[in-house]
Amino acid sequence: MRPHRPIIGPALVLAISLVLSGCARSSDSTGSGTGATPSPFAFPVTITDDDGVSVRIDAPPQRIVTFAPSATEIVFALGVGDRLVGVSGSYDDYPAAAKDISEIGGAGEFGVEPNLEKVVSLRPDLFLTIEGGDQWKERLRALGVDVFTIDSVSLEDTFHDVETVGRLTGTADAAGRLVARMRAEDRRIESKVAGERPVSCFFEVFYPPLTTVGPDTFIADLLRRAGCNSVSANARNDYPAWSVDDLVREDPQVYLVSSESGGTAAAVAARPGFGAVAAVAQGRVVLVDSDLVSRPGPRIVDGLRELAEALHPEAFG
């Protein structure tokens, strides 16, 4: 669904499209919510989304469809999960109640497009999604569905997008309180690592092939905030393939493994050639919950804390 992704195979396309939502767009985004309304509590509201499309919502939506796990989590966190009538698929697994909602994904070459007929049958008055899929978005709009794109490219952008969803759903107060708590936790975490020397690290998104994150991704922003000098900071695309030889030469102090990659410290050490990477040979491999660091939503500060603790355990002792 997203541009700048390595074409590795259907499994990786599906994983990154639905789990690593909000990670692949460059940081020159203007962000959502550029339109103005008289009051955050007033309807109708007209807001320009992250695709540059002006969307008018006449009343607080009562039938919402989300096409990204991060959007699903935001809607629940704002207290309106009971308005959700459709979610993207099995990756929409938090909170537990999300698993009981009708799934609308599964169309397209890799199964990562919404089933338009099913979406329309749910009669949504708001369809929240992420970047990509311009053609099916246009088809949904032509069928009378209000499509709104939120696409966080940084932690700060996540705060903004939570507030935007609050405006769209008539829950601006709840969104303000949620963002205030998230900002407070971000400040607490970053203050703990501020006095620590940055640690060089490598973040594994997927294996095989060995895939990491480029500098303009959402995860890269979290790594910087957590006190990491990523060895892939000069990569030229968002999800570059990486070689073991490069890892040996770059010698990262900590090797971070996304849980979505399915690896463990022992499994990484058992791979051909990985024993030559000092961090792997010396047991400095840390498994990271991919849901926490790749979904730009309410739990993202938990992901930031997990990264910071992995990189600077002494600061959190």
C-alpha atoms as a PDB file:
ATOM      1  CA  MET A   1       0.000   0.000   0.000  1.00  0.00           C
ATOM      2  CA  ARG A   2       2.781   2.404   0.827  1.00  0.00           C
ATOM      3  CA  PRO A   3       5.505   3.722  -1.465  1.00  0.00           C
ATOM      4  CA  HIS A   4       9.257   3.277  -0.952  1.00  0.00           C
ATOM      5  CA  ARG A   5       8.853  -0.286   0.333  1.00  0.00           C
ATOM      6  CA  PRO A   6      11.162  -3.058  -0.821  1.00  0.00           C
ATOM      7  CA  ILE A   7       9.353  -5.637  -2.915  1.00  0.00           C
ATOM      8  CA  ILE A   8      10.267  -8.724  -0.907  1.00  0.00           C
ATOM      9  CA  GLY A   9       7.127 -10.814  -0.950  1.00  0.00           C
ATOM     10  CA  PRO A  10       3.444 -10.885   0.035  1.00  0.00           C
ATOM     11  CA  ALA A  11       4.129 -11.705   3.688  1.00  0.00           C
ATOM     12  CA  LEU A  12       6.340  -8.687   4.230  1.00  0.00           C
ATOM     13  CA  VAL A  13       4.059  -6.394   2.231  1.00  0.00           C
ATOM     14  CA  LEU A  14       1.129  -7.465   4.387  1.00  0.00           C
ATOM     15  CA  ALA A  15       3.077  -7.128   7.632  1.00  0.00           C
ATOM     16  CA  ILE A  16       4.411  -3.667   6.901  1.00  0.00           C
ATOM     17  CA  SER A  17       1.164  -2.426   5.363  1.00  0.00           C
ATOM     18  CA  LEU A  18      -1.030  -3.324   8.311  1.00  0.00           C
ATOM     19  CA  VAL A  19       1.315  -3.559  11.290  1.00  0.00           C
ATOM     20  CA  LEU A  20       3.874  -0.916  10.465  1.00  0.00           C
ATOM     21  CA  SER A  21       1.237   1.602   9.692  1.00  0.00           C
ATOM     22  CA  GLY A  22       2.331   5.218   9.604  1.00  0.00           C
ATOM     23  CA  CYS A  23       6.006   4.531   9.112  1.00  0.00           C
ATOM     24  CA  ALA A  24       6.865   5.025   5.483  1.00  0.00           C
ATOM     25  CA  ARG A  25       6.141   8.605   4.540  1.00  0.00           C
ATOM     26  CA  SER A  26       8.864  11.228   4.401  1.00  0.00           C
ATOM     27  CA  SER A  27       9.058  13.838   7.133  1.00  0.00           C
ATOM     28  CA  ASP A  28       8.031  16.763   4.939  1.00  0.00           C
ATOM     29  CA  SER A  29       4.375  15.941   5.594  1.00  0.00           C
ATOM     30  CA  THR A  30       2.194  18.893   6.471  1.00  0.00           C
ATOM     31  CA  GLY A  31       0.217  16.720   8.875  1.00  0.00           C
ATOM     32  CA  SER A  32      -3.517  16.288   9.208  1.00  0.00           C
ATOM     33  CA  GLY A  33      -5.935  18.891  10.438  1.00  0.00           C
ATOM     34  CA  THR A  34      -4.835  21.846   8.336  1.00  0.00           C
ATOM     35  CA  GLY A  35      -8.412  23.025   7.842  1.00  0.00           C
ATOM     36  CA  ALA A  36     -10.041  25.395  10.325  1.00  0.00           C
ATOM     37  CA  THR A  37     -13.319  25.149  12.221  1.00  0.00           C
ATOM     38  CA  PRO A  38     -14.931  27.705  14.526  1.00  0.00           C
ATOM     39  CA  SER A  39     -14.660  25.367  17.528  1.00  0.00           C
ATOM     40  CA  PRO A  40     -13.208  21.894  18.141  1.00  0.00           C
ATOM     41  CA  PHE A  41     -16.639  20.927  19.509  1.00  0.00           C
ATOM     42  CA  ALA A  42     -18.694  22.313  16.623  1.00  0.00           C
ATOM     43  CA  PHE A  43     -20.191  20.390  13.738  1.00  0.00           C
ATOM     44  CA  PRO A  44     -20.025  20.374  10.840  1.00  0.00           C
ATOM     45  CA  VAL A  45     -16.214  20.217  10.778  1.00  0.00           C
ATOM     46  CA  THR A  46     -14.093  20.516   7.654  1.00  0.00           C
ATOM     47  CA  ILE A  47     -10.527  19.240   7.926  1.00  0.00           C
ATOM     48  CA  THR A  48      -7.857  18.614   5.312  1.00  0.00           C
ATOM     49  CA  ASP A  49      -6.398  15.153   5.732  1.00  0.00           C
ATOM     50  CA  ASP A  50      -2.871  13.868   5.105  1.00  0.00           C
ATOM     51  CA  ASP A  51      -3.711  13.132   1.480  1.00  0.00           C
ATOM     52  CA  GLY A  52      -4.576  16.804   1.002  1.00  0.00           C
ATOM     53  CA  VAL A  53      -8.291  16.042   0.705  1.00  0.00           C
ATOM     54  CA  SER A  54     -10.776  18.373   2.390  1.00  0.00           C
ATOM     55  CA  VAL A  55     -13.321  16.303   4.319  1.00  0.00           C
ATOM     56  CA  ARG A  56     -16.552  17.657   5.803  1.00  0.00           C
ATOM     57  CA  ILE A  57     -18.222  15.770   8.650  1.00  0.00           C
ATOM     58  CA  ASP A  58     -21.706  17.057   9.376  1.00  0.00           C
ATOM     59  CA  ALA A  59     -22.300  15.380  12.750  1.00  0.00           C
ATOM     60  CA  PRO A  60     -20.399  13.156  15.179  1.00  0.00           C
ATOM     61  CA  PRO A  61     -20.022   9.868  13.288  1.00  0.00           C
ATOM     62  CA  GLN A  62     -21.845   6.905  14.765  1.00  0.00           C
ATOM     63  CA  ARG A  63     -20.670   4.196  12.351  1.00  0.00           C
ATOM     64  CA  ILE A  64     -16.880   4.214  11.954  1.00  0.00           C
ATOM     65  CA  VAL A  65     -14.657   1.922   9.898  1.00  0.00           C
ATOM     66  CA  THR A  66     -10.886   1.884  10.481  1.00  0.00           C
ATOM     67  CA  PHE A  67      -8.362   0.568   8.006  1.00  0.00           C
ATOM     68  CA  ALA A  68      -5.263   0.584  10.222  1.00  0.00           C
ATOM     69  CA  PRO A  69      -4.672  -0.964  13.660  1.00  0.00           C
ATOM     70  CA  SER A  70      -3.379   2.386  14.918  1.00  0.00           C
ATOM     71  CA  ALA A  71      -6.639   4.115  13.978  1.00  0.00           C
ATOM     72  CA  THR A  72      -8.603   1.362  15.706  1.00  0.00           C
ATOM     73  CA  GLU A  73      -6.626   1.891  18.908  1.00  0.00           C
ATOM     74  CA  ILE A  74      -7.173   5.648  18.778  1.00  0.00           C
ATOM     75  CA  VAL A  75     -10.933   5.281  18.389  1.00  0.00           C
ATOM     76  CA  PHE A  76     -11.117   2.942  21.382  1.00  0.00           C
ATOM     77  CA  ALA A  77      -8.855   5.169  23.479  1.00  0.00           C
ATOM     78  CA  LEU A  78     -11.177   8.107  22.833  1.00  0.00           C
ATOM     79  CA  GLY A  79     -14.056   6.140  24.314  1.00  0.00           C
ATOM     80  CA  VAL A  80     -16.025   5.553  21.116  1.00  0.00           C
ATOM     81  CA  GLY A  81     -15.036   1.992  20.296  1.00  0.00           C
ATOM     82  CA  ASP A  82     -18.709   1.080  20.402  1.00  0.00           C
ATOM     83  CA  ARG A  83     -19.122   3.125  17.210  1.00  0.00           C
ATOM     84  CA  LEU A  84     -16.737   0.890  15.259  1.00  0.00           C
ATOM     85  CA  VAL A  85     -18.542  -1.296  12.731  1.00  0.00           C
ATOM     86  CA  GLY A  86     -15.510  -2.437  10.713  1.00  0.00           C
ATOM     87  CA  VAL A  87     -11.743  -2.883  11.043  1.00  0.00           C
ATOM     88  CA  SER A  88      -9.016  -3.834   8.594  1.00  0.00           C
ATOM     89  CA  GLY A  89      -8.328  -7.396   9.727  1.00  0.00           C
ATOM     90  CA  SER A  90      -6.648  -9.707  12.213  1.00  0.00           C
ATOM     91  CA  TYR A  91      -3.957  -7.139  13.068  1.00  0.00           C
ATOM     92  CA  ASP A  92      -6.676  -5.020  14.700  1.00  0.00           C
ATOM     93  CA  ASP A  93      -6.234  -6.902  17.951  1.00  0.00           C
ATOM     94  CA  TYR A  94      -6.053  -4.205  20.624  1.00  0.00           C
ATOM     95  CA  PRO A  95      -7.996  -3.757  22.759  1.00  0.00           C
ATOM     96  CA  ALA A  96      -9.477  -7.257  22.861  1.00  0.00           C
ATOM     97  CA  ALA A  97     -12.903  -5.925  21.864  1.00  0.00           C
ATOM     98  CA  ALA A  98     -11.481  -4.982  18.461  1.00  0.00           C
ATOM     99  CA  LYS A  99     -11.184  -8.672  17.573  1.00  0.00           C
ATOM    100  CA  ASP A 100     -14.976  -9.017  17.623  1.00  0.00           C
ATOM    101  CA  ILE A 101     -15.564  -6.335  14.973  1.00  0.00           C
ATOM    102  CA  SER A 102     -16.261  -7.205  11.344  1.00  0.00           C
ATOM    103  CA  GLU A 103     -13.122  -7.327   9.157  1.00  0.00           C
ATOM    104  CA  ILE A 104     -13.257  -5.483   5.841  1.00  0.00           C
ATOM    105  CA  GLY A 105      -9.762  -6.171   4.458  1.00  0.00           C
ATOM    106  CA  GLY A 106      -8.567  -8.888   2.150  1.00  0.00           C
ATOM    107  CA  ALA A 107      -8.964  -7.500  -1.364  1.00  0.00           C
ATOM    108  CA  GLY A 108      -6.183  -6.639  -3.804  1.00  0.00           C
ATOM    109  CA  GLU A 109      -3.059  -8.480  -4.952  1.00  0.00           C
ATOM    110  CA  PHE A 110      -1.671  -8.924  -1.448  1.00  0.00           C
ATOM    111  CA  GLY A 111      -4.946  -8.830   0.456  1.00  0.00           C
ATOM    112  CA  VAL A 112      -4.303  -5.384   1.870  1.00  0.00           C
ATOM    113  CA  GLU A 113      -7.131  -3.438   0.253  1.00  0.00           C
ATOM    114  CA  PRO A 114     -10.621  -3.034   1.731  1.00  0.00           C
ATOM    115  CA  ASN A 115     -13.529  -5.007   0.339  1.00  0.00           C
ATOM    116  CA  LEU A 116     -15.521  -2.080  -1.003  1.00  0.00           C
ATOM    117  CA  GLU A 117     -18.820  -3.920  -1.135  1.00  0.00           C
ATOM    118  CA  LYS A 118     -18.489  -4.914   2.491  1.00  0.00           C
ATOM    119  CA  VAL A 119     -17.510  -1.385   3.503  1.00  0.00           C
ATOM    120  CA  VAL A 120     -20.561   0.098   1.806  1.00  0.00           C
ATOM    121  CA  SER A 121     -22.820  -2.550   3.374  1.00  0.00           C
ATOM    122  CA  LEU A 122     -21.709  -1.334   6.823  1.00  0.00           C
ATOM    123  CA  ARG A 123     -23.023   2.175   6.028  1.00  0.00           C
ATOM    124  CA  PRO A 124     -20.099   4.028   7.654  1.00  0.00           C
ATOM    125  CA  ASP A 125     -20.257   7.765   8.195  1.00  0.00           C
ATOM    126  CA  LEU A 126     -16.442   7.892   8.653  1.00  0.00           C
ATOM    127  CA  PHE A 127     -13.689   5.715   7.157  1.00  0.00           C
ATOM    128  CA  LEU A 128     -10.317   6.283   8.875  1.00  0.00           C
ATOM    129  CA  THR A 129      -7.241   5.041   7.048  1.00  0.00           C
ATOM    130  CA  ILE A 130      -3.551   5.664   6.338  1.00  0.00           C
ATOM    131  CA  GLU A 131      -1.554   6.770   3.296  1.00  0.00           C
ATOM    132  CA  GLY A 132      -1.778   4.783   0.057  1.00  0.00           C
ATOM    133  CA  GLY A 133      -4.605   3.236  -1.906  1.00  0.00           C
ATOM    134  CA  ASP A 134      -5.562   6.387  -3.786  1.00  0.00           C
ATOM    135  CA  GLN A 135      -7.667   4.469  -6.326  1.00  0.00           C
ATOM    136  CA  TRP A 136      -9.843   2.584  -3.871  1.00  0.00           C
ATOM    137  CA  LYS A 137     -10.197   5.715  -1.751  1.00  0.00           C
ATOM    138  CA  GLU A 138     -11.614   7.537  -4.759  1.00  0.00           C
ATOM    139  CA  ARG A 139     -13.992   4.663  -5.430  1.00  0.00           C
ATOM    140  CA  LEU A 140     -15.226   4.786  -1.833  1.00  0.00           C
ATOM    141  CA  ARG A 141     -15.758   8.535  -2.043  1.00  0.00           C
ATOM    142  CA  ALA A 142     -17.718   8.054  -5.262  1.00  0.00           C
ATOM    143  CA  LEU A 143     -19.922   5.616  -3.333  1.00  0.00           C
ATOM    144  CA  GLY A 144     -20.642   8.286  -0.727  1.00  0.00           C
ATOM    145  CA  VAL A 145     -18.185   7.196   2.000  1.00  0.00           C
ATOM    146  CA  ASP A 146     -16.299   9.937   3.887  1.00  0.00           C
ATOM    147  CA  VAL A 147     -12.653   8.788   3.767  1.00  0.00           C
ATOM    148  CA  PHE A 148     -10.127  10.494   6.031  1.00  0.00           C
ATOM    149  CA  THR A 149      -6.389   9.770   5.978  1.00  0.00           C
ATOM    150  CA  ILE A 150      -4.161  10.129   9.045  1.00  0.00           C
ATOM    151  CA  ASP A 151      -0.522   9.258   8.504  1.00  0.00           C
ATOM    152  CA  SER A 152       1.843   9.940  11.356  1.00  0.00           C
ATOM    153  CA  VAL A 153       5.510  10.255  10.456  1.00  0.00           C
ATOM    154  CA  SER A 154       6.787  11.141  13.938  1.00  0.00           C
ATOM    155  CA  LEU A 155       5.746  11.069  17.568  1.00  0.00           C
ATOM    156  CA  GLU A 156       4.721  14.710  17.408  1.00  0.00           C
ATOM    157  CA  ASP A 157       2.577  13.933  14.381  1.00  0.00           C
ATOM    158  CA  THR A 158       0.892  11.164  16.358  1.00  0.00           C
ATOM    159  CA  PHE A 159      -0.165  13.646  19.034  1.00  0.00           C
ATOM    160  CA  HIS A 160      -1.605  15.852  16.318  1.00  0.00           C
ATOM    161  CA  ASP A 161      -3.459  13.000  14.647  1.00  0.00           C
ATOM    162  CA  VAL A 162      -5.029  11.831  17.911  1.00  0.00           C
ATOM    163  CA  GLU A 163      -6.363  15.355  18.406  1.00  0.00           C
ATOM    164  CA  THR A 164      -7.615  15.369  14.811  1.00  0.00           C
ATOM    165  CA  VAL A 165      -9.541  12.137  15.314  1.00  0.00           C
ATOM    166  CA  GLY A 166     -10.987  13.729  18.437  1.00  0.00           C
ATOM    167  CA  ARG A 167     -12.292  16.619  16.360  1.00  0.00           C
ATOM    168  CA  LEU A 168     -13.691  14.277  13.721  1.00  0.00           C
ATOM    169  CA  THR A 169     -15.535  12.125  16.255  1.00  0.00           C
ATOM    170  CA  GLY A 170     -16.733  14.843  18.625  1.00  0.00           C
ATOM    171  CA  THR A 171     -14.350  13.708  21.373  1.00  0.00           C
ATOM    172  CA  ALA A 172     -11.973  16.663  21.428  1.00  0.00           C
ATOM    173  CA  ASP A 173     -11.923  16.804  25.239  1.00  0.00           C
ATOM    174  CA  ALA A 174     -10.996  13.138  25.545  1.00  0.00           C
ATOM    175  CA  ALA A 175      -8.350  13.550  22.853  1.00  0.00           C
ATOM    176  CA  GLY A 176      -6.847  16.518  24.674  1.00  0.00           C
ATOM    177  CA  ARG A 177      -6.599  14.567  27.916  1.00  0.00           C
ATOM    178  CA  LEU A 178      -5.102  11.560  26.153  1.00  0.00           C
ATOM    179  CA  VAL A 179      -2.481  13.625  24.356  1.00  0.00           C
ATOM    180  CA  ALA A 180      -1.581  15.422  27.585  1.00  0.00           C
ATOM    181  CA  ARG A 181      -0.869  12.064  29.242  1.00  0.00           C
ATOM    182  CA  MET A 182       1.129  10.879  26.239  1.00  0.00           C
ATOM    183  CA  ARG A 183       3.208  14.069  26.172  1.00  0.00           C
ATOM    184  CA  ALA A 184       3.913  13.816  29.885  1.00  0.00           C
ATOM    185  CA  GLU A 185       5.172  10.243  29.483  1.00  0.00           C
ATOM    186  CA  ASP A 186       7.292  11.243  26.474  1.00  0.00           C
ATOM    187  CA  ARG A 187       8.904  14.040  28.509  1.00  0.00           C
ATOM    188  CA  ARG A 188       9.586  11.667  31.394  1.00  0.00           C
ATOM    189  CA  ILE A 189      11.257   9.089  29.151  1.00  0.00           C
ATOM    190  CA  GLU A 190      13.316  11.557  27.153  1.00  0.00           C
ATOM    191  CA  SER A 191      14.488  13.319  30.316  1.00  0.00           C
ATOM    192  CA  LYS A 192      15.852  10.015  31.626  1.00  0.00           C
ATOM    193  CA  VAL A 193      17.990   9.398  28.536  1.00  0.00           C
ATOM    194  CA  ALA A 194      18.970  13.041  27.992  1.00  0.00           C
ATOM    195  CA  GLY A 195      22.084  12.710  30.121  1.00  0.00           C
ATOM    196  CA  GLU A 196      23.139   9.367  28.661  1.00  0.00           C
ATOM    197  CA  ARG A 197      25.601   8.885  25.815  1.00  0.00           C
ATOM    198  CA  PRO A 198      23.720   7.779  22.668  1.00  0.00           C
ATOM    199  CA  VAL A 199      24.038   4.071  21.907  1.00  0.00           C
ATOM    200  CA  SER A 200      24.572   2.755  18.403  1.00  0.00           C
ATOM    201  CA  CYS A 201      21.873   0.280  17.445  1.00  0.00           C
ATOM    202  CA  PHE A 202      20.370  -1.726  14.622  1.00  0.00           C
ATOM    203  CA  PHE A 203      16.615  -2.299  14.341  1.00  0.00           C
ATOM    204  CA  GLU A 204      15.499  -5.445  12.545  1.00  0.00           C
ATOM    205  CA  VAL A 205      12.087  -5.115  10.928  1.00  0.00           C
ATOM    206  CA  PHE A 206      12.082  -8.444   9.136  1.00  0.00           C
ATOM    207  CA  TYR A 207      14.159 -11.519   8.375  1.00  0.00           C
ATOM    208  CA  PRO A 208      14.783 -12.985   5.849  1.00  0.00           C
ATOM    209  CA  PRO A 209      15.880 -10.932   4.049  1.00  0.00           C
ATOM    210  CA  LEU A 210      17.383  -8.767   6.767  1.00  0.00           C
ATOM    211  CA  THR A 211      15.418  -5.511   6.612  1.00  0.00           C
ATOM    212  CA  THR A 212      15.760  -2.386   8.742  1.00  0.00           C
ATOM    213  CA  VAL A 213      14.431   1.194   8.895  1.00  0.00           C
ATOM    214  CA  GLY A 214      15.611   4.305   7.093  1.00  0.00           C
ATOM    215  CA  PRO A 215      15.949   7.766   8.631  1.00  0.00           C
ATOM    216  CA  ASP A 216      12.539   9.098   7.553  1.00  0.00           C
ATOM    217  CA  THR A 217      10.429   6.412   9.177  1.00  0.00           C
ATOM    218  CA  PHE A 218       8.297   6.582  12.267  1.00  0.00           C
ATOM    219  CA  ILE A 219      10.449   4.024  14.084  1.00  0.00           C
ATOM    220  CA  ALA A 220      13.599   6.007  13.306  1.00  0.00           C
ATOM    221  CA  ASP A 221      12.085   9.002  15.098  1.00  0.00           C
ATOM    222  CA  LEU A 222      11.431   6.834  18.165  1.00  0.00           C
ATOM    223  CA  LEU A 223      14.968   5.452  18.079  1.00  0.00           C
ATOM    224  CA  ARG A 224      16.419   8.972  18.087  1.00  0.00           C
ATOM    225  CA  ARG A 225      14.219   9.978  21.017  1.00  0.00           C
ATOM    226  CA  ALA A 226      15.188   6.822  22.891  1.00  0.00           C
ATOM    227  CA  GLY A 227      18.878   7.669  22.640  1.00  0.00           C
ATOM    228  CA  CYS A 228      19.966   5.556  19.683  1.00  0.00           C
ATOM    229  CA  ASN A 229      22.403   6.374  16.888  1.00  0.00           C
ATOM    230  CA  SER A 230      20.983   4.019  14.293  1.00  0.00           C
ATOM    231  CA  VAL A 231      23.560   2.438  11.986  1.00  0.00           C
ATOM    232  CA  SER A 232      20.987   2.729   9.186  1.00  0.00           C
ATOM    233  CA  ALA A 233      20.540   6.491   9.656  1.00  0.00           C
ATOM    234  CA  ASN A 234      22.013   7.195   6.222  1.00  0.00           C
ATOM    235  CA  ALA A 235      19.910   4.664   4.326  1.00  0.00           C
ATOM    236  CA  ARG A 236      18.369   5.937   1.106  1.00  0.00           C
ATOM    237  CA  ASN A 237      14.955   4.323   1.466  1.00  0.00           C
ATOM    238  CA  ASP A 238      12.513   3.584   4.224  1.00  0.00           C
ATOM    239  CA  TYR A 239      12.934  -0.175   4.567  1.00  0.00           C
ATOM    240  CA  PRO A 240      16.362  -1.067   3.189  1.00  0.00           C
ATOM    241  CA  ALA A 241      17.804  -4.550   2.987  1.00  0.00           C
ATOM    242  CA  TRP A 242      20.978  -4.862   5.078  1.00  0.00           C
ATOM    243  CA  SER A 243      23.891  -7.255   4.937  1.00  0.00           C
ATOM    244  CA  VAL A 244      25.568  -9.110   7.773  1.00  0.00           C
ATOM    245  CA  ASP A 245      28.914  -7.835   6.483  1.00  0.00           C
ATOM    246  CA  ASP A 246      27.660  -4.266   6.950  1.00  0.00           C
ATOM    247  CA  LEU A 247      26.574  -5.103  10.507  1.00  0.00           C
ATOM    248  CA  VAL A 248      29.979  -6.526  11.356  1.00  0.00           C
ATOM    249  CA  ARG A 249      31.675  -3.404  10.021  1.00  0.00           C
ATOM    250  CA  GLU A 250      29.247  -0.973  11.730  1.00  0.00           C
ATOM    251  CA  ASP A 251      29.380  -2.902  15.037  1.00  0.00           C
ATOM    252  CA  PRO A 252      26.123  -1.691  16.690  1.00  0.00           C
ATOM    253  CA  GLN A 253      26.157  -1.821  20.479  1.00  0.00           C
ATOM    254  CA  VAL A 254      22.576  -3.138  20.670  1.00  0.00           C
ATOM    255  CA  TYR A 255      20.657  -5.309  18.203  1.00  0.00           C
ATOM    256  CA  LEU A 256      16.900  -4.664  18.382  1.00  0.00           C
ATOM    257  CA  VAL A 257      14.516  -7.238  16.867  1.00  0.00           C
ATOM    258  CA  SER A 258      10.889  -6.482  16.056  1.00  0.00           C
ATOM    259  CA  SER A 259       8.602  -9.181  17.417  1.00  0.00           C
ATOM    260  CA  GLU A 260       6.885  -9.153  14.018  1.00  0.00           C
ATOM    261  CA  SER A 261      10.100 -10.557  12.578  1.00  0.00           C
ATOM    262  CA  GLY A 262       9.497 -13.661  14.668  1.00  0.00           C
ATOM    263  CA  GLY A 263      13.021 -13.774  16.022  1.00  0.00           C
ATOM    264  CA  THR A 264      14.440 -14.356  19.480  1.00  0.00           C
ATOM    265  CA  ALA A 265      17.915 -13.660  20.772  1.00  0.00           C
ATOM    266  CA  ALA A 266      18.784 -17.323  20.365  1.00  0.00           C
ATOM    267  CA  ALA A 267      17.278 -17.493  16.877  1.00  0.00           C
ATOM    268  CA  VAL A 268      19.238 -14.436  15.746  1.00  0.00           C
ATOM    269  CA  ALA A 269      22.487 -15.896  17.079  1.00  0.00           C
ATOM    270  CA  ALA A 270      21.837 -19.164  15.225  1.00  0.00           C
ATOM    271  CA  ARG A 271      21.558 -17.509  11.798  1.00  0.00           C
ATOM    272  CA  PRO A 272      24.412 -18.030   9.336  1.00  0.00           C
ATOM    273  CA  GLY A 273      27.061 -15.351   9.798  1.00  0.00           C
ATOM    274  CA  PHE A 274      25.336 -13.489  12.629  1.00  0.00           C
ATOM    275  CA  GLY A 275      27.790 -14.799  15.213  1.00  0.00           C
ATOM    276  CA  ALA A 276      30.331 -12.397  13.736  1.00  0.00           C
ATOM    277  CA  VAL A 277      28.215  -9.426  14.876  1.00  0.00           C
ATOM    278  CA  ALA A 278      29.600  -8.483  18.298  1.00  0.00           C
ATOM    279  CA  ALA A 279      26.238  -7.414  19.740  1.00  0.00           C
ATOM    280  CA  VAL A 280      24.768 -10.791  18.782  1.00  0.00           C
ATOM    281  CA  ALA A 281      27.750 -12.829  19.960  1.00  0.00           C
ATOM    282  CA  GLN A 282      27.752 -10.997  23.313  1.00  0.00           C
ATOM    283  CA  GLY A 283      24.028 -11.366  23.906  1.00  0.00           C
ATOM    284  CA  ARG A 284      23.074  -7.731  23.366  1.00  0.00           C
ATOM    285  CA  VAL A 285      19.955  -8.683  21.384  1.00  0.00           C
ATOM    286  CA  VAL A 286      16.618  -7.283  22.593  1.00  0.00           C
ATOM    287  CA  LEU A 287      13.180  -8.326  21.336  1.00  0.00           C
ATOM    288  CA  VAL A 288      10.875  -5.310  20.885  1.00  0.00           C
ATOM    289  CA  ASP A 289       7.070  -5.474  20.748  1.00  0.00           C
ATOM    290  CA  SER A 290       6.376  -4.388  17.173  1.00  0.00           C
ATOM    291  CA  ASP A 291       2.818  -3.316  18.004  1.00  0.00           C
ATOM    292  CA  LEU A 292       4.123  -0.760  20.487  1.00  0.00           C
ATOM    293  CA  VAL A 293       6.744   0.845  18.237  1.00  0.00           C
ATOM    294  CA  SER A 294       4.995   0.715  14.874  1.00  0.00           C
ATOM    295  CA  ARG A 295       1.411   1.754  15.614  1.00  0.00           C
ATOM    296  CA  PRO A 296       1.204   5.545  15.920  1.00  0.00           C
ATOM    297  CA  GLY A 297      -1.502   5.605  18.535  1.00  0.00           C
ATOM    298  CA  PRO A 298      -2.086   5.745  22.300  1.00  0.00           C
ATOM    299  CA  ARG A 299       0.451   3.020  23.184  1.00  0.00           C
ATOM    300  CA  ILE A 300       3.318   4.543  21.227  1.00  0.00           C
ATOM    301  CA  VAL A 301       4.823   6.071  24.369  1.00  0.00           C
ATOM    302  CA  ASP A 302       4.939   2.554  25.817  1.00  0.00           C
ATOM    303  CA  GLY A 303       6.979   1.599  22.767  1.00  0.00           C
ATOM    304  CA  LEU A 304       9.275   4.568  23.286  1.00  0.00           C
ATOM    305  CA  ARG A 305       9.845   3.487  26.879  1.00  0.00           C
ATOM    306  CA  GLU A 306      10.588  -0.094  25.770  1.00  0.00           C
ATOM    307  CA  LEU A 307      13.207   1.169  23.315  1.00  0.00           C
ATOM    308  CA  ALA A 308      14.744   3.543  25.859  1.00  0.00           C
ATOM    309  CA  GLU A 309      14.968   0.809  28.495  1.00  0.00           C
ATOM    310  CA  ALA A 310      16.601  -1.556  25.994  1.00  0.00           C
ATOM    311  CA  LEU A 311      19.180   1.046  25.022  1.00  0.00           C
ATOM    312  CA  HIS A 312      19.763   2.649  28.418  1.00  0.00           C
ATOM    313  CA  PRO A 313      18.784   0.153  31.137  1.00  0.00           C
ATOM    314  CA  GLU A 314      20.914   1.994  33.673  1.00  0.00           C
ATOM    315  CA  ALA A 315      18.714   5.083  33.356  1.00  0.00           C
ATOM    316  CA  PHE A 316      15.628   3.105  34.328  1.00  0.00           C
ATOM    317  CA  GLY A 317      17.121   0.931  37.048  1.00  0.00           C
END
